[in-house]
Amino acid sequence: MANHHLQRAAVGGFVTGVLEGGALGLLLAPASGRMTRARANQRLRETAESARELKDRVSLRFRETAGAARGLKEKLGRRLQSARRAALGLKTS
């Protein structure tokens, strides 16, 4: 009797495995060449667009950072000039 239940469970497991494997095979089966090329081309276009957007964001951030650095450089230059003038004014007095 126990042997019969064990055989039944094994057959049930086998059938379940076959059904699951078949379903996965249908879901994951390779598409036709035309469909695969279309998907690859679409993915390539999406990747290219993402790369362009990233390049634009990086370029903008670079320009902003460079502008801020120039502003800081000019501000530091003015402060140094002011400090030099003050130091020279103190030395000559």
Protein backbone atom coordinates (compact mmCIF):
# COMPACT_ATOMS: atom_id res chain seq x y z
CA MET A 1 0.00 0.00 0.00
CA ALA A 2 2.75 2.47 0.94
CA ASN A 3 4.57 1.50 -2.23
CA HIS A 4 1.48 2.38 -4.28
CA HIS A 5 1.30 5.88 -2.70
CA LEU A 6 4.98 6.38 -3.33
CA GLN A 7 4.60 5.42 -6.99
CA ARG A 8 1.60 7.70 -7.33
CA ALA A 9 3.49 10.61 -5.76
CA ALA A 10 6.46 9.97 -8.06
CA VAL A 11 4.25 9.88 -11.17
CA GLY A 12 2.42 13.02 -10.00
CA GLY A 13 5.72 14.79 -9.45
CA PHE A 14 6.95 13.68 -12.86
CA VAL A 15 3.79 14.89 -14.61
CA THR A 16 3.95 18.20 -12.75
CA GLY A 17 7.60 18.59 -13.76
CA VAL A 18 6.81 17.82 -17.40
CA LEU A 19 3.98 20.38 -17.43
CA GLU A 20 6.10 23.05 -15.74
CA GLY A 21 9.03 22.35 -18.05
CA GLY A 22 6.80 22.57 -21.11
CA ALA A 23 5.32 25.87 -19.96
CA LEU A 24 8.77 27.32 -19.28
CA GLY A 25 9.98 26.03 -22.63
CA LEU A 26 7.17 27.86 -24.41
CA LEU A 27 7.86 31.04 -22.45
CA LEU A 28 11.61 30.96 -22.93
CA ALA A 29 11.79 29.47 -26.43
CA PRO A 30 13.86 31.53 -28.85
CA ALA A 31 11.87 33.82 -31.07
CA SER A 32 12.13 33.83 -34.84
CA GLY A 33 15.15 35.50 -36.40
CA ARG A 34 13.07 38.47 -37.50
CA MET A 35 11.63 38.92 -34.00
CA THR A 36 15.04 38.54 -32.38
CA ARG A 37 16.56 41.14 -34.71
CA ALA A 38 13.64 43.51 -34.08
CA ARG A 39 14.05 43.15 -30.31
CA ALA A 40 17.82 43.59 -30.56
CA ASN A 41 17.40 46.71 -32.73
CA GLN A 42 14.84 48.15 -30.31
CA ARG A 43 17.12 47.48 -27.36
CA LEU A 44 20.03 49.05 -29.24
CA ARG A 45 17.97 52.18 -29.99
CA GLU A 46 16.92 52.41 -26.32
CA THR A 47 20.52 52.00 -25.17
CA ALA A 48 21.75 54.61 -27.65
CA GLU A 49 19.08 57.06 -26.45
CA SER A 50 20.02 56.40 -22.82
CA ALA A 51 23.68 56.99 -23.68
CA ARG A 52 22.84 60.30 -25.40
CA GLU A 53 20.78 61.42 -22.40
CA LEU A 54 23.61 60.47 -20.04
CA LYS A 55 26.14 62.35 -22.21
CA ASP A 56 23.92 65.43 -22.17
CA ARG A 57 23.54 65.29 -18.37
CA VAL A 58 27.28 64.82 -17.88
CA SER A 59 28.08 67.68 -20.28
CA LEU A 60 25.65 69.98 -18.49
CA ARG A 61 27.06 69.04 -15.08
CA PHE A 62 30.61 69.59 -16.39
CA ARG A 63 29.72 73.05 -17.70
CA GLU A 64 28.03 73.95 -14.43
CA THR A 65 30.99 72.73 -12.40
CA ALA A 66 33.49 74.49 -14.65
CA GLY A 67 31.51 77.73 -14.36
CA ALA A 68 31.38 77.41 -10.57
CA ALA A 69 35.13 76.72 -10.48
CA ARG A 70 35.83 79.82 -12.61
CA GLY A 71 33.67 81.89 -10.27
CA LEU A 72 35.54 80.59 -7.23
CA LYS A 73 38.88 81.25 -8.92
CA GLU A 74 37.89 84.84 -9.66
CA LYS A 75 36.61 85.34 -6.12
CA LEU A 76 39.82 83.90 -4.66
CA GLY A 77 41.88 86.13 -6.98
CA ARG A 78 40.02 89.24 -5.77
CA ARG A 79 40.51 88.23 -2.12
CA LEU A 80 44.21 87.60 -2.69
CA GLN A 81 44.58 91.01 -4.35
CA SER A 82 42.77 92.60 -1.45
CA ALA A 83 44.97 90.78 1.06
CA ARG A 84 48.12 91.86 -0.84
CA ARG A 85 47.00 95.46 -0.88
CA ALA A 86 46.21 95.32 2.82
CA ALA A 87 49.57 93.70 3.57
CA LEU A 88 51.44 96.28 1.48
CA GLY A 89 49.48 99.08 3.11
CA LEU A 90 50.44 97.80 6.54
CA LYS A 91 54.13 97.40 5.60
CA THR A 92 54.51 100.90 4.20
CA SER A 93 52.76 102.60 7.08
